[in-house]
Amino acid sequence: MKKAVVVVALSTILTGCVVGPNYRLPSEAAINQDVAKQPLLDAKGYTTDSQSPPPNWWKLYDDPLLNDMVQRALQQNTDLRVAMANLERARASVQFADEQGGFSGGISALQERTQEAGEQYLLPEKVPVANASNFGINVTYEIDLFGTLKRGVEAAEADSDAALAAKDVARVAVVSDVVHAYVENCGSGAELSVARQAVAEQQSRGELIARLHALGRADVSETSRQETAIREIEATIPKYSARQHIAQYRLAALLAESPAELPEAVRECMRLPQLASKIPIGDGTALLKRRPDVRESERKLAASTARIGVSIGALYPNVILGASTGLTGTTGDLGMGSTARWSVGPMISWTFPVNGARARISEARAEQRAALASFDGVVLQALKEVQSSLAGYEASMDQLNALERAHASAVESASDAHRMFVGGRATYLDDLDASRTLTANELRLTESKVDVAMSQVDLFKSLGGGWETSGDMISPATASR
């Protein structure tokens, strides 16, 4: 008993010893360098003030139909269901790791007809055949003397945090994909509307040419040229129609529905959603704390650091305190004082040689270095995506502004040319050329508006917003666990 007390006392003193490195975000990590602290670009269409994108950024479009699509996707999307299942599995792993060590116990009962060997009792003759019984209760307490179990819990918790971040990554992707598909659907509808309107206008011109031909003011070649102009515009309609259908198929897949289940308003949408205000993007530091892929990678780094301690712990002995009591003897005598037994004391197990254990430590350290490199890569990739999205958005805005000016000029030119043609002061070719230029410009202008809307969605996605309403927010710059 005195020896047991000594072991318990020593264990209590040494319990504070935890093997392996404590997790700290390395100072050399890219997120701590100047590259991650540079201000984001400033340009038209967005603002770099301290305001970050709102959690439900898609509501900036003020489109109830879009809001409904996003909410349905968040409830039904298959990728999110997979991510949620992975998160539940990770949390169960935390519970399992947390319940290792400490107290445990068991009950055993045995009845058998047996003949024991006399030699094991130093008897020269056989021991009689008898009905033997055994009943016992045991309680053990595993002491986490070197913190191996604690490191295991830390690794499991970091893995759970990473799974939560992965779910948030999936949420961001689903939301942006839904908005992207919705914008493409409505944009293709807008392009389809412009093309059909252009066909109607050219058909109206064709009727005018037919009347002028009857009056002798137009020849057959002008009639055929007008027919060609109509067919050229009609040839663009299948492209826009197919693009709209493809967007609807993508939207239905994201909602885990069939295309026929999409609301009629979605299938008939011909108006691009418009932002009510400039896009708030915040600063670079806030961006890296907000993006869930950065948080996921940082938590994986923390988990790999904790696993170094788990690997080191395999080199050290296990200490278990145990106590048991029970009854052992022939079935008829069971319960008599002579059949009672009990024991209490420590058990130390230490395996020699530790085959492969040191290699496991080297493996864990290499895994940590790989996790740090991966974390740096994710940080740099996040910055690249945002800067690229900002540059692409600015370029699409500049193109749109230029096309709007060109469109205003084309409208005026086409109006003047047609008026002069009807008045007999310009040729049909002049009028046809001006109308073709206007039609082409209108189609390019509509396509440019779609590109701007797509760039907006890409920018929102790169900013990493849209996951916050899922609950737990965990900073990627957590100093320690």
Protein backbone atom coordinates (compact mmCIF):
# COMPACT_ATOMS: atom_id res chain seq x y z
CA MET A 1 0.00 0.00 0.00
CA LYS A 2 2.86 2.37 0.80
CA LYS A 3 4.37 1.72 -2.61
CA ALA A 4 1.02 2.40 -4.25
CA VAL A 5 0.72 5.70 -2.42
CA VAL A 6 4.22 6.67 -3.54
CA VAL A 7 3.35 5.91 -7.17
CA VAL A 8 0.15 7.97 -6.93
CA ALA A 9 2.04 10.89 -5.42
CA LEU A 10 4.72 10.79 -8.09
CA SER A 11 2.08 10.54 -10.80
CA THR A 12 0.24 13.54 -9.43
CA ILE A 13 3.46 15.58 -9.43
CA LEU A 14 4.40 14.56 -12.95
CA THR A 15 0.95 14.91 -14.47
CA GLY A 16 1.80 18.47 -15.48
CA CYS A 17 4.50 17.12 -17.81
CA VAL A 18 3.16 17.06 -21.38
CA VAL A 19 5.35 15.68 -24.14
CA GLY A 20 5.63 17.34 -27.53
CA PRO A 21 5.53 20.99 -28.59
CA ASN A 22 2.77 23.34 -27.47
CA TYR A 23 0.97 24.79 -30.48
CA ARG A 24 1.79 28.34 -31.47
CA LEU A 25 1.16 29.85 -34.87
CA PRO A 26 4.74 30.01 -36.22
CA SER A 27 6.15 33.52 -36.55
CA GLU A 28 7.51 32.59 -39.97
CA ALA A 29 4.03 31.70 -41.28
CA ALA A 30 2.96 33.72 -44.31
CA ILE A 31 -0.03 35.14 -42.45
CA ASN A 32 2.41 36.97 -40.14
CA GLN A 33 4.48 38.43 -42.99
CA ASP A 34 4.14 41.75 -44.81
CA VAL A 35 2.66 40.02 -47.86
CA ALA A 36 -0.49 39.35 -45.84
CA LYS A 37 -0.72 42.87 -44.46
CA GLN A 38 -0.74 44.86 -47.69
CA PRO A 39 -3.86 46.95 -48.41
CA LEU A 40 -6.24 45.62 -51.02
CA LEU A 41 -6.55 47.37 -54.36
CA ASP A 42 -9.01 50.24 -54.63
CA ALA A 43 -11.12 50.66 -57.74
CA LYS A 44 -14.59 51.39 -59.06
CA GLY A 45 -17.56 49.39 -57.91
CA TYR A 46 -16.36 48.54 -54.43
CA THR A 47 -15.00 50.19 -51.33
CA THR A 48 -12.05 49.25 -49.12
CA ASP A 49 -13.31 50.92 -45.96
CA SER A 50 -13.44 49.03 -42.68
CA GLN A 51 -16.82 47.53 -43.50
CA SER A 52 -16.60 43.86 -44.49
CA PRO A 53 -19.11 41.99 -46.65
CA PRO A 54 -22.29 41.18 -44.73
CA PRO A 55 -22.80 37.50 -43.84
CA ASN A 56 -25.79 37.22 -46.19
CA TRP A 57 -24.10 39.16 -49.00
CA TRP A 58 -26.51 37.87 -51.66
CA LYS A 59 -29.25 39.98 -50.05
CA LEU A 60 -27.46 43.06 -51.40
CA TYR A 61 -29.16 42.19 -54.69
CA ASP A 62 -32.56 42.72 -53.02
CA ASP A 63 -34.03 39.81 -55.00
CA PRO A 64 -36.56 37.67 -53.05
CA LEU A 65 -36.38 34.94 -55.69
CA LEU A 66 -32.59 34.69 -55.29
CA ASN A 67 -32.89 34.68 -51.50
CA ASP A 68 -35.30 31.75 -51.73
CA MET A 69 -32.94 29.83 -54.04
CA VAL A 70 -30.03 30.27 -51.63
CA GLN A 71 -32.02 29.18 -48.58
CA ARG A 72 -33.30 26.08 -50.34
CA ALA A 73 -29.77 25.17 -51.41
CA LEU A 74 -28.46 25.57 -47.86
CA GLN A 75 -31.10 23.12 -46.68
CA GLN A 76 -30.93 20.57 -49.49
CA ASN A 77 -27.53 20.67 -51.19
CA THR A 78 -25.75 17.30 -51.19
CA ASP A 79 -22.24 18.74 -50.68
CA LEU A 80 -23.42 20.45 -47.50
CA ARG A 81 -24.99 17.22 -46.29
CA VAL A 82 -21.65 15.45 -46.77
CA ALA A 83 -19.82 18.25 -44.95
CA MET A 84 -22.27 18.08 -42.05
CA ALA A 85 -21.81 14.30 -41.76
CA ASN A 86 -18.03 14.78 -41.73
CA LEU A 87 -18.39 17.35 -38.97
CA GLU A 88 -20.53 14.99 -36.89
CA ARG A 89 -17.91 12.25 -37.35
CA ALA A 90 -15.12 14.61 -36.24
CA ARG A 91 -17.06 15.65 -33.15
CA ALA A 92 -17.63 12.01 -32.28
CA SER A 93 -13.86 11.49 -32.56
CA VAL A 94 -13.35 14.30 -30.05
CA GLN A 95 -15.74 12.62 -27.64
CA PHE A 96 -13.92 9.30 -28.10
CA ALA A 97 -10.50 10.88 -27.46
CA ASP A 98 -11.80 12.79 -24.46
CA GLU A 99 -13.11 9.61 -22.86
CA GLN A 100 -9.79 7.74 -23.07
CA GLY A 101 -7.83 7.22 -19.85
CA GLY A 102 -9.21 8.01 -16.40
CA PHE A 103 -11.50 5.54 -14.64
CA SER A 104 -12.76 2.36 -16.20
CA GLY A 105 -14.03 -0.90 -14.79
CA GLY A 106 -15.69 -4.17 -15.49
CA ILE A 107 -17.52 -7.16 -14.11
CA SER A 108 -16.69 -10.77 -14.94
CA ALA A 109 -18.40 -14.07 -14.11
CA LEU A 110 -17.33 -17.59 -15.00
CA GLN A 111 -18.58 -21.09 -14.27
CA GLU A 112 -16.88 -24.19 -15.67
CA ARG A 113 -16.22 -27.84 -14.97
CA THR A 114 -12.48 -28.19 -14.82
CA GLN A 115 -9.53 -30.18 -13.65
CA GLU A 116 -6.52 -28.09 -12.71
CA ALA A 117 -2.99 -29.45 -13.11
CA GLY A 118 -1.55 -30.55 -9.78
CA GLU A 119 1.93 -29.46 -10.75
CA GLN A 120 0.94 -25.80 -10.75
CA TYR A 121 0.20 -26.19 -7.03
CA LEU A 122 3.35 -28.34 -6.48
CA LEU A 123 1.21 -31.41 -5.88
CA PRO A 124 2.39 -34.80 -7.14
CA GLU A 125 -1.14 -36.11 -7.68
CA LYS A 126 -4.04 -34.96 -9.83
CA VAL A 127 -6.43 -32.35 -8.56
CA PRO A 128 -10.02 -33.64 -8.51
CA VAL A 129 -12.46 -32.61 -11.22
CA ALA A 130 -14.77 -29.92 -9.87
CA ASN A 131 -17.28 -27.25 -10.78
CA ALA A 132 -15.35 -23.98 -10.45
CA SER A 133 -16.76 -20.45 -10.39
CA ASN A 134 -15.22 -17.01 -10.54
CA PHE A 135 -16.87 -13.63 -10.03
CA GLY A 136 -14.99 -10.36 -10.00
CA ILE A 137 -15.26 -6.59 -10.08
CA ASN A 138 -12.32 -4.44 -11.16
CA VAL A 139 -11.70 -0.69 -11.34
CA THR A 140 -8.70 0.94 -13.04
CA TYR A 141 -7.46 4.47 -13.44
CA GLU A 142 -5.04 5.31 -16.26
CA ILE A 143 -2.77 8.21 -15.41
CA ASP A 144 -1.88 10.43 -18.36
CA LEU A 145 1.58 10.82 -16.91
CA PHE A 146 3.21 12.36 -19.98
CA GLY A 147 0.19 14.05 -21.55
CA THR A 148 -0.13 11.60 -24.43
CA LEU A 149 -3.90 11.41 -24.08
CA LYS A 150 -4.12 15.19 -23.73
CA ARG A 151 -2.29 15.62 -27.02
CA GLY A 152 -4.68 13.13 -28.59
CA VAL A 153 -7.64 15.24 -27.43
CA GLU A 154 -5.97 18.38 -28.79
CA ALA A 155 -5.49 16.72 -32.19
CA ALA A 156 -9.10 15.53 -32.27
CA GLU A 157 -10.42 18.97 -31.32
CA ALA A 158 -8.31 20.64 -34.01
CA ASP A 159 -9.58 18.09 -36.55
CA SER A 160 -13.13 18.91 -35.46
CA ASP A 161 -12.47 22.62 -35.91
CA ALA A 162 -11.07 21.88 -39.37
CA ALA A 163 -14.19 19.89 -40.24
CA LEU A 164 -16.34 22.83 -39.12
CA ALA A 165 -14.29 25.14 -41.33
CA ALA A 166 -14.62 22.66 -44.22
CA LYS A 167 -18.38 22.82 -43.80
CA ASP A 168 -18.16 26.60 -43.98
CA VAL A 169 -16.02 26.31 -47.12
CA ALA A 170 -18.74 24.15 -48.66
CA ARG A 171 -21.37 26.69 -47.61
CA VAL A 172 -19.47 29.54 -49.27
CA ALA A 173 -19.07 27.49 -52.45
CA VAL A 174 -22.74 26.48 -52.56
CA VAL A 175 -23.99 30.02 -52.01
CA SER A 176 -21.69 31.50 -54.65
CA ASP A 177 -22.51 28.70 -57.12
CA VAL A 178 -26.25 29.29 -56.65
CA VAL A 179 -25.90 33.03 -57.18
CA HIS A 180 -23.58 32.42 -60.14
CA ALA A 181 -26.04 30.02 -61.78
CA TYR A 182 -28.96 32.37 -61.08
CA VAL A 183 -27.08 35.35 -62.58
CA GLU A 184 -26.10 33.29 -65.62
CA ASN A 185 -29.70 32.12 -66.03
CA CYS A 186 -31.12 35.65 -65.87
CA GLY A 187 -28.23 37.06 -67.93
CA SER A 188 -28.80 34.51 -70.69
CA GLY A 189 -32.49 35.40 -70.54
CA ALA A 190 -31.59 39.08 -70.95
CA GLU A 191 -29.34 38.25 -73.93
CA LEU A 192 -32.12 36.14 -75.39
CA SER A 193 -34.55 39.04 -75.00
CA VAL A 194 -32.17 41.47 -76.75
CA ALA A 195 -31.62 39.03 -79.63
CA ARG A 196 -35.36 38.46 -80.10
CA GLN A 197 -36.02 42.18 -79.99
CA ALA A 198 -33.30 42.72 -82.58
CA VAL A 199 -34.91 40.09 -84.83
CA ALA A 200 -38.27 41.83 -84.47
CA GLU A 201 -36.70 45.19 -85.38
CA GLN A 202 -34.97 43.73 -88.42
CA GLN A 203 -38.19 42.06 -89.48
CA SER A 204 -39.89 45.45 -89.25
CA ARG A 205 -37.14 46.88 -91.46
CA GLY A 206 -37.68 43.99 -93.83
CA GLU A 207 -41.36 44.94 -94.16
CA LEU A 208 -40.28 48.49 -94.91
CA ILE A 209 -37.85 47.28 -97.58
CA ALA A 210 -40.62 45.17 -99.10
CA ARG A 211 -42.87 48.24 -99.33
CA LEU A 212 -40.07 50.32 -100.86
CA HIS A 213 -39.37 47.53 -103.31
CA ALA A 214 -43.03 47.61 -104.38
CA LEU A 215 -42.66 51.35 -104.94
CA GLY A 216 -39.51 50.83 -106.95
CA ARG A 217 -37.19 52.38 -104.36
CA ALA A 218 -35.43 49.14 -103.41
CA ASP A 219 -34.09 46.26 -105.49
CA VAL A 220 -34.09 42.51 -104.87
CA SER A 221 -30.54 42.53 -103.49
CA GLU A 222 -31.58 44.85 -100.68
CA THR A 223 -34.43 42.52 -99.76
CA SER A 224 -32.08 39.53 -99.66
CA ARG A 225 -29.51 41.47 -97.59
CA GLN A 226 -32.21 42.31 -95.07
CA GLU A 227 -33.21 38.65 -94.89
CA THR A 228 -29.55 37.75 -94.27
CA ALA A 229 -29.37 40.28 -91.42
CA ILE A 230 -32.41 38.66 -89.80
CA ARG A 231 -30.96 35.16 -90.12
CA GLU A 232 -27.62 36.26 -88.63
CA ILE A 233 -29.31 37.51 -85.47
CA GLU A 234 -31.58 34.46 -85.27
CA ALA A 235 -28.45 32.29 -85.32
CA THR A 236 -27.42 33.71 -81.94
CA ILE A 237 -30.66 32.72 -80.22
CA PRO A 238 -29.89 28.97 -79.78
CA LYS A 239 -26.61 29.85 -78.04
CA TYR A 240 -28.33 32.07 -75.47
CA SER A 241 -31.20 29.61 -75.03
CA ALA A 242 -28.83 26.69 -74.43
CA ARG A 243 -26.79 28.76 -71.95
CA GLN A 244 -29.96 29.55 -70.01
CA HIS A 245 -31.02 25.91 -69.90
CA ILE A 246 -27.56 24.82 -68.74
CA ALA A 247 -27.67 27.42 -65.94
CA GLN A 248 -31.07 26.09 -64.89
CA TYR A 249 -29.75 22.52 -64.81
CA ARG A 250 -26.86 23.65 -62.60
CA LEU A 251 -29.21 25.56 -60.34
CA ALA A 252 -31.49 22.55 -59.98
CA ALA A 253 -28.54 20.29 -59.14
CA LEU A 254 -27.37 22.71 -56.44
CA LEU A 255 -30.86 22.67 -54.95
CA ALA A 256 -31.05 18.86 -55.26
CA GLU A 257 -34.18 19.25 -57.37
CA SER A 258 -35.22 18.60 -60.94
CA PRO A 259 -35.29 21.55 -63.39
CA ALA A 260 -39.07 21.20 -63.60
CA GLU A 261 -39.31 22.06 -59.89
CA LEU A 262 -37.69 25.47 -60.39
CA PRO A 263 -40.18 28.33 -60.05
CA GLU A 264 -41.60 29.65 -63.30
CA ALA A 265 -40.12 33.06 -62.51
CA VAL A 266 -36.63 31.52 -62.50
CA ARG A 267 -37.10 29.81 -65.85
CA GLU A 268 -38.49 33.00 -67.39
CA CYS A 269 -36.05 35.43 -65.74
CA MET A 270 -34.75 38.04 -68.19
CA ARG A 271 -33.49 40.75 -65.82
CA LEU A 272 -30.03 40.68 -64.27
CA PRO A 273 -29.96 41.13 -60.49
CA GLN A 274 -28.40 44.48 -59.59
CA LEU A 275 -26.45 45.45 -56.48
CA ALA A 276 -28.05 48.19 -54.44
CA SER A 277 -24.69 49.61 -53.34
CA LYS A 278 -20.94 49.24 -53.76
CA ILE A 279 -19.30 46.03 -52.62
CA PRO A 280 -17.67 46.38 -49.17
CA ILE A 281 -14.49 44.27 -49.06
CA GLY A 282 -12.80 45.33 -45.81
CA ASP A 283 -9.03 44.97 -45.38
CA GLY A 284 -6.56 42.14 -45.94
CA THR A 285 -6.23 41.14 -42.28
CA ALA A 286 -10.00 40.83 -41.90
CA LEU A 287 -10.12 38.84 -45.13
CA LEU A 288 -7.69 36.19 -43.89
CA LYS A 289 -9.55 35.84 -40.60
CA ARG A 290 -12.85 35.57 -42.43
CA ARG A 291 -12.04 33.01 -45.12
CA PRO A 292 -12.91 29.53 -43.82
CA ASP A 293 -10.33 27.77 -46.01
CA VAL A 294 -7.59 29.69 -44.18
CA ARG A 295 -9.16 28.69 -40.86
CA GLU A 296 -9.40 25.05 -41.97
CA SER A 297 -5.74 24.92 -42.98
CA GLU A 298 -4.63 26.55 -39.71
CA ARG A 299 -6.58 24.01 -37.66
CA LYS A 300 -4.93 21.17 -39.61
CA LEU A 301 -1.58 22.69 -38.68
CA ALA A 302 -2.62 22.65 -35.00
CA ALA A 303 -3.72 19.01 -35.29
CA SER A 304 -0.40 17.96 -36.85
CA THR A 305 1.48 19.70 -34.03
CA ALA A 306 -0.53 17.82 -31.39
CA ARG A 307 0.19 14.49 -33.12
CA ILE A 308 3.91 15.03 -32.55
CA GLY A 309 3.18 14.76 -28.82
CA VAL A 310 1.11 11.63 -29.37
CA SER A 311 4.04 10.04 -31.23
CA ILE A 312 6.55 11.05 -28.56
CA GLY A 313 4.25 9.67 -25.84
CA ALA A 314 4.59 6.20 -27.36
CA LEU A 315 8.20 6.15 -26.09
CA TYR A 316 7.14 6.42 -22.45
CA PRO A 317 5.55 3.93 -20.02
CA ASN A 318 1.86 3.64 -19.22
CA VAL A 319 0.83 3.81 -15.58
CA ILE A 320 -2.47 2.30 -14.45
CA LEU A 321 -3.78 2.09 -10.88
CA GLY A 322 -6.08 -0.84 -10.31
CA ALA A 323 -8.24 -2.51 -7.69
CA SER A 324 -10.28 -5.67 -7.92
CA THR A 325 -12.33 -7.91 -5.67
CA GLY A 326 -14.26 -11.09 -6.19
CA LEU A 327 -14.95 -14.71 -5.35
CA THR A 328 -13.03 -17.68 -6.71
CA GLY A 329 -13.50 -21.33 -5.83
CA THR A 330 -15.65 -24.38 -6.33
CA THR A 331 -19.24 -23.59 -7.07
CA GLY A 332 -20.49 -25.13 -3.83
CA ASP A 333 -18.13 -23.08 -1.66
CA LEU A 334 -18.62 -19.80 -3.50
CA GLY A 335 -19.46 -17.07 -0.98
CA MET A 336 -17.44 -18.53 1.87
CA GLY A 337 -14.62 -16.47 3.31
CA SER A 338 -12.03 -18.77 1.83
CA THR A 339 -13.18 -17.88 -1.70
CA ALA A 340 -12.92 -14.11 -1.25
CA ARG A 341 -10.05 -12.25 -2.87
CA TRP A 342 -8.99 -8.64 -3.50
CA SER A 343 -6.02 -6.70 -4.85
CA VAL A 344 -4.94 -3.11 -5.27
CA GLY A 345 -1.83 -1.53 -6.75
CA PRO A 346 -0.17 0.15 -9.70
CA MET A 347 0.70 -1.45 -13.01
CA ILE A 348 3.45 -0.01 -15.18
CA SER A 349 3.90 -1.22 -18.75
CA TRP A 350 6.83 -0.17 -20.92
CA THR A 351 7.51 -1.84 -24.22
CA PHE A 352 11.09 -2.48 -25.37
CA PRO A 353 12.38 -2.06 -27.98
CA VAL A 354 10.17 0.75 -29.28
CA ASN A 355 10.16 -0.55 -32.83
CA GLY A 356 9.32 2.26 -35.27
CA ALA A 357 8.29 4.72 -32.57
CA ARG A 358 11.07 7.17 -33.36
CA ALA A 359 10.26 6.92 -37.05
CA ARG A 360 6.69 7.83 -36.14
CA ILE A 361 7.98 10.98 -34.46
CA SER A 362 9.94 11.92 -37.58
CA GLU A 363 6.83 11.23 -39.63
CA ALA A 364 4.73 13.51 -37.40
CA ARG A 365 7.28 16.33 -37.59
CA ALA A 366 7.37 16.04 -41.38
CA GLU A 367 3.57 16.15 -41.41
CA GLN A 368 3.69 19.37 -39.39
CA ARG A 369 6.13 20.96 -41.85
CA ALA A 370 3.87 19.95 -44.72
CA ALA A 371 0.83 21.40 -42.89
CA LEU A 372 2.67 24.70 -42.39
CA ALA A 373 3.61 24.84 -46.06
CA SER A 374 0.00 24.07 -46.98
CA PHE A 375 -1.22 26.81 -44.63
CA ASP A 376 1.13 29.33 -46.24
CA GLY A 377 -0.09 28.22 -49.65
CA VAL A 378 -3.74 28.70 -48.69
CA VAL A 379 -3.01 32.21 -47.35
CA LEU A 380 -1.17 33.22 -50.52
CA GLN A 381 -3.87 31.65 -52.69
CA ALA A 382 -6.56 33.59 -50.81
CA LEU A 383 -4.73 36.87 -51.41
CA LYS A 384 -4.20 36.00 -55.07
CA GLU A 385 -7.87 35.13 -55.58
CA VAL A 386 -9.06 38.40 -54.07
CA GLN A 387 -6.60 40.57 -55.97
CA SER A 388 -7.39 38.71 -59.21
CA SER A 389 -11.13 39.07 -58.62
CA LEU A 390 -10.72 42.78 -57.92
CA ALA A 391 -8.67 43.26 -61.08
CA GLY A 392 -11.16 41.24 -63.14
CA TYR A 393 -14.09 43.16 -61.72
CA GLU A 394 -12.43 46.50 -62.46
CA ALA A 395 -11.68 45.41 -66.04
CA SER A 396 -15.27 44.27 -66.61
CA MET A 397 -16.56 47.58 -65.21
CA ASP A 398 -14.25 49.55 -67.54
CA GLN A 399 -15.41 47.48 -70.50
CA LEU A 400 -19.05 48.05 -69.56
CA ASN A 401 -18.56 51.80 -69.30
CA ALA A 402 -16.86 51.88 -72.72
CA LEU A 403 -19.63 49.80 -74.31
CA GLU A 404 -22.29 52.04 -72.79
CA ARG A 405 -20.68 55.05 -74.43
CA ALA A 406 -20.39 53.13 -77.72
CA HIS A 407 -24.04 52.09 -77.44
CA ALA A 408 -25.21 55.67 -77.04
CA SER A 409 -23.25 56.62 -80.14
CA ALA A 410 -24.57 53.59 -82.09
CA VAL A 411 -28.16 54.44 -81.19
CA GLU A 412 -27.76 57.97 -82.47
CA SER A 413 -25.95 56.82 -85.62
CA ALA A 414 -28.56 54.15 -86.42
CA SER A 415 -31.41 56.62 -85.88
CA ASP A 416 -29.82 59.21 -88.18
CA ALA A 417 -28.99 56.66 -90.88
CA HIS A 418 -32.51 55.23 -90.90
CA ARG A 419 -34.14 58.63 -90.98
CA MET A 420 -31.93 59.70 -93.88
CA PHE A 421 -32.61 56.40 -95.71
CA VAL A 422 -36.37 56.80 -95.37
CA GLY A 423 -36.00 60.38 -96.59
CA GLY A 424 -33.98 59.25 -99.59
CA ARG A 425 -30.76 60.94 -98.51
CA ALA A 426 -28.82 57.76 -97.62
CA THR A 427 -28.40 54.34 -99.21
CA TYR A 428 -29.86 51.13 -97.88
CA LEU A 429 -26.37 49.80 -97.20
CA ASP A 430 -25.67 52.76 -94.92
CA ASP A 431 -28.88 52.07 -93.00
CA LEU A 432 -28.22 48.32 -92.84
CA ASP A 433 -24.65 48.83 -91.65
CA ALA A 434 -25.75 51.20 -88.90
CA SER A 435 -28.50 48.85 -87.71
CA ARG A 436 -26.14 45.86 -87.68
CA THR A 437 -23.62 47.86 -85.67
CA LEU A 438 -26.31 48.82 -83.16
CA THR A 439 -27.53 45.23 -82.84
CA ALA A 440 -24.02 43.88 -82.32
CA ASN A 441 -23.34 46.61 -79.78
CA GLU A 442 -26.53 45.85 -77.85
CA LEU A 443 -25.61 42.17 -77.65
CA ARG A 444 -22.04 42.96 -76.52
CA LEU A 445 -23.38 45.44 -73.98
CA THR A 446 -25.74 42.84 -72.52
CA GLU A 447 -22.94 40.25 -72.43
CA SER A 448 -20.74 42.81 -70.69
CA LYS A 449 -23.41 43.37 -68.05
CA VAL A 450 -23.52 39.61 -67.49
CA ASP A 451 -19.71 39.56 -67.16
CA VAL A 452 -19.89 42.32 -64.55
CA ALA A 453 -22.50 40.40 -62.57
CA MET A 454 -20.40 37.22 -62.79
CA SER A 455 -17.32 39.14 -61.63
CA GLN A 456 -19.30 40.43 -58.66
CA VAL A 457 -20.13 36.88 -57.61
CA ASP A 458 -16.51 35.78 -58.06
CA LEU A 459 -15.39 38.69 -55.90
CA PHE A 460 -17.89 37.86 -53.16
CA LYS A 461 -16.73 34.24 -53.21
CA SER A 462 -13.07 35.22 -52.93
CA LEU A 463 -13.90 37.46 -49.97
CA GLY A 464 -15.06 34.34 -48.12
CA GLY A 465 -18.31 35.65 -46.67
CA GLY A 466 -21.57 33.77 -46.32
CA TRP A 467 -20.68 31.11 -43.75
CA GLU A 468 -21.06 33.17 -40.57
CA THR A 469 -24.72 32.35 -39.99
CA SER A 470 -23.71 28.69 -39.53
CA GLY A 471 -22.70 29.55 -35.98
CA ASP A 472 -19.27 28.92 -34.51
CA MET A 473 -16.66 31.47 -35.54
CA ILE A 474 -13.05 30.46 -34.94
CA SER A 475 -10.15 32.79 -35.58
CA PRO A 476 -7.40 31.31 -37.80
CA ALA A 477 -4.80 33.13 -35.75
CA THR A 478 -5.52 31.21 -32.57
CA ALA A 479 -2.30 31.36 -30.58
CA SER A 480 -2.74 28.07 -28.75
CA ARG A 481 -5.24 25.44 -27.80
